[in-house]
């Protein structure tokens, strides 16, 4: 009988301790996109990415001009050409169309890679700042305030955005 009573007390003690530790956990939320956009590094990253995209678009424009010239020449002169010349010009235009399409696909991939390369350090810095502020304030969980998976945001959660901005020295 004594063993059963001790076991019951042990179970109750463990339950109380786990309940107490669960109650001391702090929950906070932060709008990560707002934080990222407010960081000075973001502006320079956007300038870099805009220049990168502009360079890609300029090359695409040159390719389109070349194709349009060839198509215009084809349209004007096709009636006077032999079948062999006409077929050759059609293949040339078709080849240019394929090159343009391939270029657009590769440019899209390069743009995404460049965006990842440029934005990765900014995301890492923001995540590290959130982690540091959460540790300083003894926060157990931080949830992204604009996450698609956020189902419920308690009124009592702490918004870390102002503290993280201060930690990063952002005045905005």
Protein backbone atom coordinates (compact mmCIF):
# COMPACT_ATOMS: atom_id res chain seq x y z
CA UNK A 1 0.00 0.00 0.00
CA UNK A 2 2.88 2.39 0.81
CA UNK A 3 4.35 1.83 -2.63
CA UNK A 4 1.07 2.75 -4.28
CA UNK A 5 0.75 5.98 -2.26
CA UNK A 6 4.35 6.95 -3.06
CA UNK A 7 3.74 6.18 -6.72
CA UNK A 8 0.61 8.35 -6.75
CA UNK A 9 2.52 11.22 -5.07
CA UNK A 10 5.34 10.85 -7.61
CA UNK A 11 2.91 10.93 -10.52
CA UNK A 12 1.15 13.99 -9.09
CA UNK A 13 4.50 15.72 -8.50
CA UNK A 14 5.63 15.03 -12.06
CA UNK A 15 2.29 16.24 -13.41
CA UNK A 16 2.49 19.43 -11.35
CA UNK A 17 6.08 20.10 -12.43
CA UNK A 18 5.30 19.57 -16.09
CA UNK A 19 2.20 21.77 -15.77
CA UNK A 20 4.24 24.52 -14.11
CA UNK A 21 6.96 24.38 -16.78
CA UNK A 22 4.32 24.48 -19.51
CA UNK A 23 2.83 27.59 -17.95
CA UNK A 24 6.17 29.42 -17.87
CA UNK A 25 6.74 29.11 -21.59
CA UNK A 26 6.42 32.45 -23.37
CA UNK A 27 4.96 32.86 -26.83
CA UNK A 28 5.73 35.73 -29.18
CA UNK A 29 5.03 36.62 -32.79
CA UNK A 30 6.84 38.67 -35.42
CA UNK A 31 6.12 39.83 -38.94
CA UNK A 32 9.31 38.63 -40.64
CA UNK A 33 8.52 40.26 -43.99
CA UNK A 34 8.07 43.63 -42.32
CA UNK A 35 11.37 43.13 -40.49
CA UNK A 36 13.23 42.15 -43.68
CA UNK A 37 11.82 45.10 -45.64
CA UNK A 38 12.84 47.52 -42.89
CA UNK A 39 16.47 46.35 -42.87
CA UNK A 40 18.92 48.64 -44.73
CA UNK A 41 20.43 45.62 -46.50
CA UNK A 42 17.10 44.98 -48.16
CA UNK A 43 17.17 48.25 -50.11
CA UNK A 44 20.64 47.57 -51.53
CA UNK A 45 19.63 43.98 -52.34
CA UNK A 46 16.61 45.25 -54.27
CA UNK A 47 18.76 47.74 -56.21
CA UNK A 48 21.15 44.91 -57.09
CA UNK A 49 18.32 42.61 -58.16
CA UNK A 50 16.66 45.33 -60.26
CA UNK A 51 19.97 45.93 -62.08
CA UNK A 52 20.38 42.18 -62.58
CA UNK A 53 16.87 41.86 -64.06
CA UNK A 54 17.38 44.96 -66.21
CA UNK A 55 20.54 43.45 -67.73
CA UNK A 56 18.68 40.22 -68.52
CA UNK A 57 15.77 42.15 -70.06
CA UNK A 58 18.07 44.29 -72.21
CA UNK A 59 19.61 41.18 -73.74
CA UNK A 60 16.14 39.72 -74.34
CA UNK A 61 15.09 42.96 -76.04
CA UNK A 62 18.06 42.70 -78.41
CA UNK A 63 17.10 39.13 -79.26
CA UNK A 64 13.50 40.21 -79.94
CA UNK A 65 14.66 43.06 -82.19
CA UNK A 66 16.76 40.62 -84.21
CA UNK A 67 13.83 38.20 -84.54
CA UNK A 68 11.41 40.99 -85.51
CA UNK A 69 13.79 42.24 -88.21
CA UNK A 70 14.08 38.77 -89.69
CA UNK A 71 10.33 38.27 -89.54
CA UNK A 72 9.72 41.63 -91.18
CA UNK A 73 12.21 40.78 -93.94
CA UNK A 74 10.53 37.40 -94.37
CA UNK A 75 7.07 38.96 -94.61
CA UNK A 76 8.18 41.50 -97.22
CA UNK A 77 10.28 39.22 -99.39
CA UNK A 78 8.87 35.71 -99.10
CA UNK A 79 6.96 35.94 -102.37
CA UNK A 80 10.17 36.60 -104.32
CA UNK A 81 12.25 33.87 -102.69
CA UNK A 82 12.72 30.36 -103.88
CA UNK A 83 11.35 27.55 -101.75
CA UNK A 84 14.83 26.77 -100.47
CA UNK A 85 15.49 30.37 -99.34
CA UNK A 86 12.00 30.68 -97.81
CA UNK A 87 12.45 27.40 -95.89
CA UNK A 88 15.87 28.52 -94.70
CA UNK A 89 14.48 31.87 -93.46
CA UNK A 90 11.57 30.12 -91.70
CA UNK A 91 14.00 27.79 -89.93
CA UNK A 92 16.12 30.77 -88.95
CA UNK A 93 13.11 32.54 -87.39
CA UNK A 94 12.00 29.34 -85.68
CA UNK A 95 15.50 28.86 -84.29
CA UNK A 96 15.49 32.42 -82.96
CA UNK A 97 12.11 31.81 -81.30
CA UNK A 98 13.49 28.70 -79.60
CA UNK A 99 16.60 30.57 -78.45
CA UNK A 100 14.43 33.35 -77.03
CA UNK A 101 12.24 30.88 -75.19
CA UNK A 102 15.26 29.04 -73.79
CA UNK A 103 16.85 32.35 -72.78
CA UNK A 104 13.67 33.39 -70.93
CA UNK A 105 13.62 30.10 -69.00
CA UNK A 106 17.31 30.34 -68.11
CA UNK A 107 16.96 34.01 -67.17
CA UNK A 108 14.10 33.14 -64.81
CA UNK A 109 16.24 30.47 -63.14
CA UNK A 110 19.23 32.81 -62.85
CA UNK A 111 17.05 35.54 -61.39
CA UNK A 112 15.71 33.16 -58.72
CA UNK A 113 19.23 31.96 -57.91
CA UNK A 114 20.51 35.52 -57.65
CA UNK A 115 17.58 36.49 -55.44
CA UNK A 116 18.33 33.57 -53.14
CA UNK A 117 22.04 34.43 -53.05
CA UNK A 118 21.36 38.08 -52.24
CA UNK A 119 18.51 37.54 -49.75
CA UNK A 120 19.99 34.58 -47.83
CA UNK A 121 22.38 36.66 -45.68
CA UNK A 122 19.57 39.10 -44.89
CA UNK A 123 17.23 36.29 -43.77
CA UNK A 124 20.03 34.75 -41.72
CA UNK A 125 20.76 38.07 -40.00
CA UNK A 126 17.05 38.60 -39.26
CA UNK A 127 16.64 35.05 -37.91
CA UNK A 128 19.72 35.43 -35.72
CA UNK A 129 18.40 38.73 -34.34
CA UNK A 130 15.02 37.13 -33.57
CA UNK A 131 16.81 34.27 -31.85
CA UNK A 132 18.95 36.66 -29.79
CA UNK A 133 15.99 38.80 -28.71
CA UNK A 134 13.93 35.71 -27.89
CA UNK A 135 16.76 34.39 -25.71
CA UNK A 136 17.17 37.79 -24.00
CA UNK A 137 13.45 37.88 -23.19
CA UNK A 138 13.22 34.16 -22.28
CA UNK A 139 10.72 33.48 -25.03
CA UNK A 140 10.15 29.83 -25.79
CA UNK A 141 8.31 30.07 -29.13
CA UNK A 142 8.22 32.74 -31.82
CA UNK A 143 5.60 32.40 -34.52
CA UNK A 144 5.61 34.23 -37.82
CA UNK A 145 2.66 36.61 -37.56
CA UNK A 146 1.88 36.40 -41.27
CA UNK A 147 2.34 32.67 -41.65
CA UNK A 148 -0.25 30.71 -43.58
CA UNK A 149 -0.14 28.03 -40.87
CA UNK A 150 -0.95 30.37 -38.02
CA UNK A 151 -4.43 29.38 -36.93
CA UNK A 152 -4.77 31.32 -33.71
CA UNK A 153 -2.84 34.25 -32.30
CA UNK A 154 -3.51 34.79 -28.64
CA UNK A 155 -4.09 38.35 -27.53
CA UNK A 156 -1.32 37.96 -24.99
CA UNK A 157 1.46 37.13 -27.44
CA UNK A 158 4.38 39.48 -27.55
CA UNK A 159 5.22 41.23 -30.83
CA UNK A 160 8.99 40.96 -31.22
CA UNK A 161 9.25 43.26 -34.23
CA UNK A 162 10.03 46.45 -32.27
CA UNK A 163 12.61 44.71 -30.07
CA UNK A 164 14.33 43.00 -33.01
CA UNK A 165 14.42 46.27 -34.97
CA UNK A 166 16.00 47.92 -31.97
CA UNK A 167 18.46 45.02 -31.67
CA UNK A 168 19.46 45.57 -35.31
CA UNK A 169 19.60 49.35 -34.86
CA UNK A 170 16.72 50.01 -37.28
CA UNK A 171 14.96 53.31 -36.58
CA UNK A 172 12.03 52.94 -39.04
